[in-house]
Amino acid sequence: MDERDIRDHFLAQAKACDGLGSPFTANLCRALAKVLDANTRTGQAVLGWPGDARADALALRLCGALHGLVLTGANERLALIYPPNQTSESEIAAVLPEAIARSDERIVAGLAGAPQTNEIARSAMLLPGFLTVARETGLPLDLCEIGASAGLNLLFDSFHYRYGDAEWGDRTSTVRLAPEVRGLAVPLGRAIDVRHRAGCDIAPVDVADAATRLRLRSYVWADQATRLARLDAALSLAEKFRPPLVKADAADFVGKALAARQEGGAFVLYHSIMWQYLPRATKDAIIVALEQAGRQATAAAPIARLRMEPRDPTNNWAVLSLTLAGRRDAPPGPLRLPRPLDRMGGLSPIPFTQP
């Protein structure tokens, strides 16, 4: 990509941040589009980026590297323009050149890794799906998450949820989710018994490692204080209950998990805002494996697929869908979920520009 395309990418990311309620991150992206030049290694690396800036989430890589400096206190001058301080685009642009030059090598190193996020709020949209599987099967759940990142959503049953006047979960939990609900009440009810849980990611985040925890935190946009606090609470919980994660290809992981499943539990494959990033061959392999296993599913060993994904990658609304094979006294197929599960305003639009 040429330099003009790179700067346009930053401006497009700024527009997306504006739409997602992150004015500081939007101003930061616009300021970076203006001030980046060849006087620093950072400028050279960004403006000469060899790949597709949008596909590589280049703007978010740079924003994450800068946020990491602020979170560690490594660049006091840079911290002055970050929340909770109120700063304009021009004030940000005035500080960036010197701040980048001061931490040039560290910022360049931060560009090497793709953005990694683990949005815990997605559990509030997934929970009614888990509850539906538990209600329809009457069995404990065997959880299998692909694209699990740090595995924080594998701990969903340790969170507290409030949907309007209704609530579910551990009232003492420090992870508290209260999405906006529109339309009909979200069906809650029974407790969930999780028999087994496991997740995979091509680059899993080890919550026991301070450097990788920092990296995860750095990709939360700096003006999303509630989201950062939610992540910190979940990370603290994960230190006590380490989510079981493996580094693996999603198709290989699903195949092995399906082969190892046992009767007496409902196998639940689930994923959220990650399907669009999988290669076509991987998607096809997962679907074939599920179809083959689904034909042999029974009431004693049912199989569910729970998806929180946009119908179209360009759509900023996620839709929750559930297919269950082997449920009691019913043919396999999709289950109809209540309308509020299609759109929960407190959870959407999800920033799909973040991998």
Protein backbone atom coordinates (compact mmCIF):
# COMPACT_ATOMS: atom_id res chain seq x y z
CA MET A 1 0.00 0.00 0.00
CA ASP A 2 1.23 3.51 -0.70
CA GLU A 3 1.50 6.27 1.90
CA ARG A 4 -1.81 7.87 0.95
CA ASP A 5 -3.65 4.59 1.41
CA ILE A 6 -2.05 4.15 4.84
CA ARG A 7 -3.19 7.59 5.97
CA ASP A 8 -6.68 6.91 4.60
CA HIS A 9 -6.75 3.70 6.63
CA PHE A 10 -6.14 5.69 9.81
CA LEU A 11 -8.91 8.11 8.87
CA ALA A 12 -11.30 5.22 8.21
CA GLN A 13 -10.45 3.76 11.61
CA ALA A 14 -11.11 7.16 13.17
CA LYS A 15 -14.57 7.20 11.59
CA ALA A 16 -15.24 3.74 12.98
CA CYS A 17 -14.14 4.84 16.45
CA ASP A 18 -16.45 7.85 16.30
CA GLY A 19 -19.33 5.55 15.46
CA LEU A 20 -18.46 3.25 18.34
CA GLY A 21 -18.39 6.03 20.93
CA SER A 22 -14.62 6.39 21.31
CA PRO A 23 -13.86 10.04 20.50
CA PHE A 24 -10.34 10.00 21.96
CA THR A 25 -9.29 6.99 19.88
CA ALA A 26 -10.86 8.63 16.83
CA ASN A 27 -8.87 11.83 17.43
CA LEU A 28 -5.71 9.80 18.02
CA CYS A 29 -6.11 8.05 14.66
CA ARG A 30 -6.74 11.33 12.86
CA ALA A 31 -3.72 12.91 14.53
CA LEU A 32 -1.52 9.95 13.60
CA ALA A 33 -2.65 10.26 9.98
CA LYS A 34 -1.32 13.81 10.02
CA VAL A 35 1.92 13.59 11.99
CA LEU A 36 3.49 10.27 10.99
CA ASP A 37 6.57 10.79 8.83
CA ALA A 38 9.91 9.20 7.99
CA ASN A 39 11.75 10.95 10.84
CA THR A 40 11.14 8.00 13.17
CA ARG A 41 11.38 4.26 12.73
CA THR A 42 7.73 4.11 13.74
CA GLY A 43 6.76 6.42 10.89
CA GLN A 44 8.88 4.49 8.44
CA ALA A 45 7.40 1.15 9.54
CA VAL A 46 3.80 2.36 9.38
CA LEU A 47 3.95 4.38 6.17
CA GLY A 48 5.94 1.63 4.46
CA TRP A 49 3.74 -1.19 5.74
CA PRO A 50 4.18 -4.10 3.31
CA GLY A 51 0.80 -5.75 3.80
CA ASP A 52 -2.86 -4.72 3.74
CA ALA A 53 -3.21 -2.10 6.47
CA ARG A 54 -6.91 -2.78 7.03
CA ALA A 55 -6.59 -6.55 7.10
CA ASP A 56 -3.60 -6.25 9.44
CA ALA A 57 -5.44 -3.72 11.67
CA LEU A 58 -2.41 -1.46 11.40
CA ALA A 59 -4.03 1.57 13.07
CA LEU A 60 -5.10 -0.55 16.03
CA ARG A 61 -1.62 -2.07 16.29
CA LEU A 62 -0.18 1.41 16.64
CA CYS A 63 -2.90 2.57 19.04
CA GLY A 64 -2.24 -0.52 21.16
CA ALA A 65 1.50 0.09 21.23
CA LEU A 66 0.96 3.69 22.35
CA HIS A 67 -1.62 2.69 24.97
CA GLY A 68 0.82 0.14 26.35
CA LEU A 69 3.33 2.92 26.98
CA VAL A 70 0.71 4.85 28.93
CA LEU A 71 -0.44 1.84 30.96
CA THR A 72 3.13 1.09 32.08
CA GLY A 73 4.03 4.73 32.77
CA ALA A 74 6.84 4.49 30.24
CA ASN A 75 6.04 7.80 28.51
CA GLU A 76 4.78 10.53 30.85
CA ARG A 77 4.50 13.11 28.08
CA LEU A 78 2.25 10.80 26.11
CA ALA A 79 0.12 10.05 29.18
CA LEU A 80 -0.82 13.73 29.45
CA ILE A 81 -2.96 13.54 26.32
CA TYR A 82 -4.69 10.29 27.34
CA PRO A 83 -7.92 9.86 29.31
CA PRO A 84 -9.02 10.84 31.85
CA ASN A 85 -7.47 14.05 30.54
CA GLN A 86 -9.61 15.87 27.98
CA THR A 87 -7.62 16.68 24.85
CA SER A 88 -8.44 17.79 21.32
CA GLU A 89 -7.13 16.39 18.07
CA SER A 90 -4.77 19.35 17.69
CA GLU A 91 -3.40 18.88 21.22
CA ILE A 92 -2.82 15.19 20.54
CA ALA A 93 -1.08 15.99 17.25
CA ALA A 94 1.20 18.48 19.01
CA VAL A 95 2.46 15.90 21.51
CA LEU A 96 2.73 12.78 19.32
CA PRO A 97 5.95 13.48 17.34
CA GLU A 98 8.15 13.94 20.40
CA ALA A 99 6.40 11.14 22.30
CA ILE A 100 6.87 8.71 19.42
CA ALA A 101 10.53 9.66 19.00
CA ARG A 102 11.17 9.08 22.71
CA SER A 103 9.77 5.52 22.61
CA ASP A 104 10.51 4.74 18.97
CA GLU A 105 12.05 1.27 19.33
CA ARG A 106 9.40 0.04 21.74
CA ILE A 107 6.56 1.24 19.52
CA VAL A 108 8.03 -0.48 16.46
CA ALA A 109 8.30 -3.70 18.45
CA GLY A 110 4.63 -3.34 19.40
CA LEU A 111 3.59 -3.25 15.74
CA ALA A 112 4.72 -6.84 15.23
CA GLY A 113 1.73 -8.51 16.83
CA ALA A 114 -1.86 -8.48 15.58
CA PRO A 115 -4.40 -6.93 17.98
CA GLN A 116 -5.77 -9.42 20.47
CA THR A 117 -8.95 -8.74 22.42
CA ASN A 118 -11.17 -10.75 24.76
CA GLU A 119 -14.45 -8.85 25.14
CA ILE A 120 -16.22 -10.22 28.22
CA ALA A 121 -19.46 -8.38 27.41
CA ARG A 122 -20.12 -10.98 24.72
CA SER A 123 -20.99 -13.43 27.49
CA ALA A 124 -24.14 -11.43 28.20
CA MET A 125 -25.34 -12.18 24.68
CA LEU A 126 -24.16 -15.80 24.74
CA LEU A 127 -25.69 -16.67 28.13
CA PRO A 128 -29.32 -17.06 26.95
CA GLY A 129 -28.03 -19.48 24.32
CA PHE A 130 -26.26 -21.59 26.95
CA LEU A 131 -29.41 -21.51 29.06
CA THR A 132 -31.46 -22.68 26.08
CA VAL A 133 -29.17 -25.67 25.51
CA ALA A 134 -29.33 -26.59 29.20
CA ARG A 135 -33.12 -26.28 29.21
CA GLU A 136 -33.65 -28.25 25.99
CA THR A 137 -31.27 -31.08 26.87
CA GLY A 138 -31.52 -31.28 30.66
CA LEU A 139 -27.78 -32.04 30.73
CA PRO A 140 -24.59 -30.41 32.00
CA LEU A 141 -22.59 -28.56 29.34
CA ASP A 142 -19.27 -29.49 27.77
CA LEU A 143 -17.96 -26.15 26.47
CA CYS A 144 -15.73 -25.86 23.42
CA GLU A 145 -14.78 -22.31 22.39
CA ILE A 146 -12.79 -21.47 19.27
CA GLY A 147 -11.02 -18.13 18.94
CA ALA A 148 -10.99 -18.00 22.74
CA SER A 149 -8.15 -15.46 23.13
CA ALA A 150 -7.44 -15.50 26.90
CA GLY A 151 -10.39 -17.81 27.53
CA LEU A 152 -12.21 -15.30 29.72
CA ASN A 153 -15.62 -16.08 28.23
CA LEU A 154 -15.10 -19.73 29.19
CA LEU A 155 -15.73 -18.48 32.74
CA PHE A 156 -19.12 -16.96 31.86
CA ASP A 157 -20.91 -18.87 34.62
CA SER A 158 -18.81 -17.05 37.22
CA PHE A 159 -20.11 -13.62 36.13
CA HIS A 160 -23.18 -11.72 37.29
CA TYR A 161 -25.75 -10.59 34.71
CA ARG A 162 -28.60 -8.11 34.81
CA TYR A 163 -31.10 -7.83 31.97
CA GLY A 164 -33.49 -5.07 32.97
CA ASP A 165 -35.17 -6.29 36.17
CA ALA A 166 -33.97 -9.87 35.75
CA GLU A 167 -30.62 -11.16 36.95
CA TRP A 168 -28.58 -14.35 36.78
CA GLY A 169 -25.32 -15.64 38.15
CA ASP A 170 -23.01 -15.04 41.08
CA ARG A 171 -24.16 -11.93 42.95
CA THR A 172 -20.73 -11.61 44.57
CA SER A 173 -18.84 -11.68 41.25
CA THR A 174 -16.64 -8.70 40.41
CA VAL A 175 -17.49 -9.23 36.73
CA ARG A 176 -20.90 -7.61 36.32
CA LEU A 177 -22.64 -7.33 32.95
CA ALA A 178 -25.78 -5.25 32.39
CA PRO A 179 -26.55 -5.00 28.66
CA GLU A 180 -29.34 -2.89 27.28
CA VAL A 181 -32.30 -5.07 26.31
CA ARG A 182 -34.90 -4.04 23.75
CA GLY A 183 -38.18 -5.83 23.21
CA LEU A 184 -39.18 -9.01 25.02
CA ALA A 185 -37.61 -10.06 28.31
CA VAL A 186 -34.57 -12.31 28.05
CA PRO A 187 -35.45 -15.86 29.25
CA LEU A 188 -33.25 -16.80 32.20
CA GLY A 189 -34.28 -19.26 34.87
CA ARG A 190 -32.26 -22.36 35.64
CA ALA A 191 -28.69 -22.66 36.80
CA ILE A 192 -26.09 -24.14 34.46
CA ASP A 193 -23.87 -27.08 35.32
CA VAL A 194 -20.62 -26.97 33.33
CA ARG A 195 -19.03 -30.42 33.25
CA HIS A 196 -16.07 -29.59 31.04
CA ARG A 197 -14.63 -26.48 29.39
CA ALA A 198 -11.82 -25.98 26.89
CA GLY A 199 -10.83 -23.38 24.33
CA CYS A 200 -8.36 -22.84 21.54
CA ASP A 201 -6.75 -19.93 19.75
CA ILE A 202 -3.97 -19.62 17.20
CA ALA A 203 -2.32 -17.16 19.62
CA PRO A 204 -3.77 -17.84 23.08
CA VAL A 205 -3.18 -15.25 25.79
CA ASP A 206 -1.62 -16.63 28.96
CA VAL A 207 -3.28 -14.71 31.81
CA ALA A 208 -0.48 -15.79 34.14
CA ASP A 209 2.05 -13.77 32.14
CA ALA A 210 2.22 -10.08 33.03
CA ALA A 211 3.46 -9.02 29.58
CA THR A 212 0.64 -10.75 27.73
CA ARG A 213 -1.95 -9.38 30.20
CA LEU A 214 -0.60 -5.90 29.48
CA ARG A 215 -0.87 -6.51 25.75
CA LEU A 216 -4.49 -7.60 26.14
CA ARG A 217 -5.26 -4.46 28.16
CA SER A 218 -3.45 -2.19 25.71
CA TYR A 219 -5.85 -3.10 22.89
CA VAL A 220 -8.83 -1.81 24.85
CA TRP A 221 -9.40 1.70 23.56
CA ALA A 222 -8.11 4.17 26.13
CA ASP A 223 -11.41 6.07 26.45
CA GLN A 224 -13.41 2.89 27.17
CA ALA A 225 -12.85 2.93 30.93
CA THR A 226 -15.80 0.65 31.69
CA ARG A 227 -14.55 -1.94 29.26
CA LEU A 228 -11.05 -1.81 30.74
CA ALA A 229 -12.40 -2.21 34.28
CA ARG A 230 -14.49 -5.17 33.11
CA LEU A 231 -11.42 -6.78 31.57
CA ASP A 232 -9.36 -6.23 34.73
CA ALA A 233 -12.06 -7.87 36.84
CA ALA A 234 -12.18 -10.88 34.51
CA LEU A 235 -8.38 -11.19 34.48
CA SER A 236 -8.38 -11.26 38.29
CA LEU A 237 -10.98 -14.01 38.20
CA ALA A 238 -8.96 -15.94 35.61
CA GLU A 239 -5.91 -15.91 37.89
CA LYS A 240 -7.92 -18.03 40.36
CA PHE A 241 -9.71 -20.22 37.80
CA ARG A 242 -7.31 -20.63 34.91
CA PRO A 243 -9.34 -21.19 31.73
CA PRO A 244 -8.05 -24.29 29.91
CA LEU A 245 -6.59 -23.14 26.60
CA VAL A 246 -4.51 -24.71 23.87
CA LYS A 247 -2.74 -23.26 20.85
CA ALA A 248 -4.36 -24.99 17.91
CA ASP A 249 -5.99 -24.68 14.53
CA ALA A 250 -9.74 -24.34 15.09
CA ALA A 251 -10.68 -27.21 12.77
CA ASP A 252 -8.18 -29.61 14.37
CA PHE A 253 -9.37 -28.60 17.83
CA VAL A 254 -13.04 -29.10 17.00
CA GLY A 255 -12.38 -32.47 15.38
CA LYS A 256 -10.52 -33.79 18.41
CA ALA A 257 -13.09 -32.37 20.84
CA LEU A 258 -15.97 -34.01 18.96
CA ALA A 259 -14.16 -37.32 18.89
CA ALA A 260 -13.52 -37.20 22.65
CA ARG A 261 -17.05 -36.22 23.77
CA GLN A 262 -18.89 -38.51 26.16
CA GLU A 263 -22.49 -39.23 26.96
CA GLY A 264 -24.17 -37.42 29.81
CA GLY A 265 -23.31 -33.92 28.63
CA ALA A 266 -24.33 -31.48 25.91
CA PHE A 267 -21.39 -30.60 23.68
CA VAL A 268 -21.49 -26.86 22.90
CA LEU A 269 -19.21 -25.43 20.24
CA TYR A 270 -19.37 -21.64 20.42
CA HIS A 271 -17.63 -18.63 18.96
CA SER A 272 -18.08 -14.86 18.87
CA ILE A 273 -16.88 -12.30 16.33
CA MET A 274 -14.17 -14.53 14.91
CA TRP A 275 -15.72 -16.65 12.15
CA GLN A 276 -15.03 -14.01 9.51
CA TYR A 277 -11.29 -14.23 10.18
CA LEU A 278 -11.02 -17.98 9.59
CA PRO A 279 -9.74 -19.31 6.24
CA ARG A 280 -12.43 -20.81 4.04
CA ALA A 281 -10.89 -24.29 4.33
CA THR A 282 -10.99 -24.13 8.12
CA LYS A 283 -14.64 -23.08 8.12
CA ASP A 284 -15.57 -25.86 5.75
CA ALA A 285 -13.74 -28.47 7.84
CA ILE A 286 -15.54 -27.39 11.01
CA ILE A 287 -18.95 -27.45 9.34
CA VAL A 288 -18.34 -30.92 7.88
CA ALA A 289 -17.19 -32.24 11.27
CA LEU A 290 -20.29 -30.83 12.98
CA GLU A 291 -22.63 -32.24 10.33
CA GLN A 292 -21.10 -35.68 10.57
CA ALA A 293 -21.22 -35.72 14.38
CA GLY A 294 -24.70 -34.18 14.39
CA ARG A 295 -26.13 -37.08 12.41
CA GLN A 296 -25.07 -39.39 15.23
CA ALA A 297 -26.10 -37.12 18.12
CA THR A 298 -28.52 -38.52 20.67
CA ALA A 299 -30.48 -37.22 23.62
CA ALA A 300 -27.71 -38.60 25.84
CA ALA A 301 -24.98 -36.86 23.81
CA PRO A 302 -26.44 -33.85 21.99
CA ILE A 303 -24.37 -31.37 20.00
CA ALA A 304 -24.98 -27.62 19.86
CA ARG A 305 -23.40 -24.82 17.89
CA LEU A 306 -23.85 -21.35 19.39
CA ARG A 307 -22.75 -18.40 17.27
CA MET A 308 -22.54 -14.69 18.02
CA GLU A 309 -21.55 -13.34 14.64
CA PRO A 310 -22.66 -10.68 12.14
CA ARG A 311 -24.77 -11.96 9.28
CA ASP A 312 -22.50 -9.90 7.05
CA PRO A 313 -18.91 -8.91 8.04
CA THR A 314 -19.75 -5.31 7.05
CA ASN A 315 -22.72 -5.25 9.46
CA ASN A 316 -22.00 -3.80 12.91
CA TRP A 317 -24.74 -5.88 14.57
CA ALA A 318 -24.08 -9.34 15.91
CA VAL A 319 -26.78 -11.98 15.73
CA LEU A 320 -27.05 -14.91 18.12
CA SER A 321 -27.99 -18.22 16.52
CA LEU A 322 -28.19 -21.74 17.89
CA THR A 323 -28.42 -25.16 16.22
CA LEU A 324 -28.94 -28.25 18.36
CA ALA A 325 -28.83 -31.89 17.30
CA GLY A 326 -29.99 -34.69 19.57
CA ARG A 327 -32.27 -32.69 21.87
CA ARG A 328 -35.06 -34.52 23.60
CA ASP A 329 -38.12 -35.48 21.51
CA ALA A 330 -37.26 -33.13 18.62
CA PRO A 331 -35.52 -33.35 15.26
CA PRO A 332 -32.11 -31.68 14.86
CA GLY A 333 -32.10 -28.14 13.57
CA PRO A 334 -32.06 -24.47 14.47
CA LEU A 335 -33.86 -23.27 17.57
CA ARG A 336 -35.79 -20.02 17.47
CA LEU A 337 -34.39 -17.58 20.00
CA PRO A 338 -36.34 -14.59 21.37
CA ARG A 339 -36.02 -11.35 19.43
CA PRO A 340 -33.93 -9.49 22.02
CA LEU A 341 -31.12 -11.93 21.37
CA ASP A 342 -30.80 -10.68 17.83
CA ARG A 343 -29.85 -7.22 19.02
CA MET A 344 -28.83 -6.13 22.47
CA GLY A 345 -28.03 -2.45 22.28
CA GLY A 346 -25.64 -2.58 25.21
CA LEU A 347 -23.48 -5.06 23.34
CA SER A 348 -23.75 -3.74 19.83
CA PRO A 349 -22.37 -2.49 17.62
CA ILE A 350 -19.32 -4.61 18.38
CA PRO A 351 -16.07 -3.07 17.06
CA PHE A 352 -15.51 -5.58 14.27
CA THR A 353 -12.42 -3.63 13.17
CA GLN A 354 -10.72 -5.30 16.13
CA PRO A 355 -9.71 -8.90 15.35
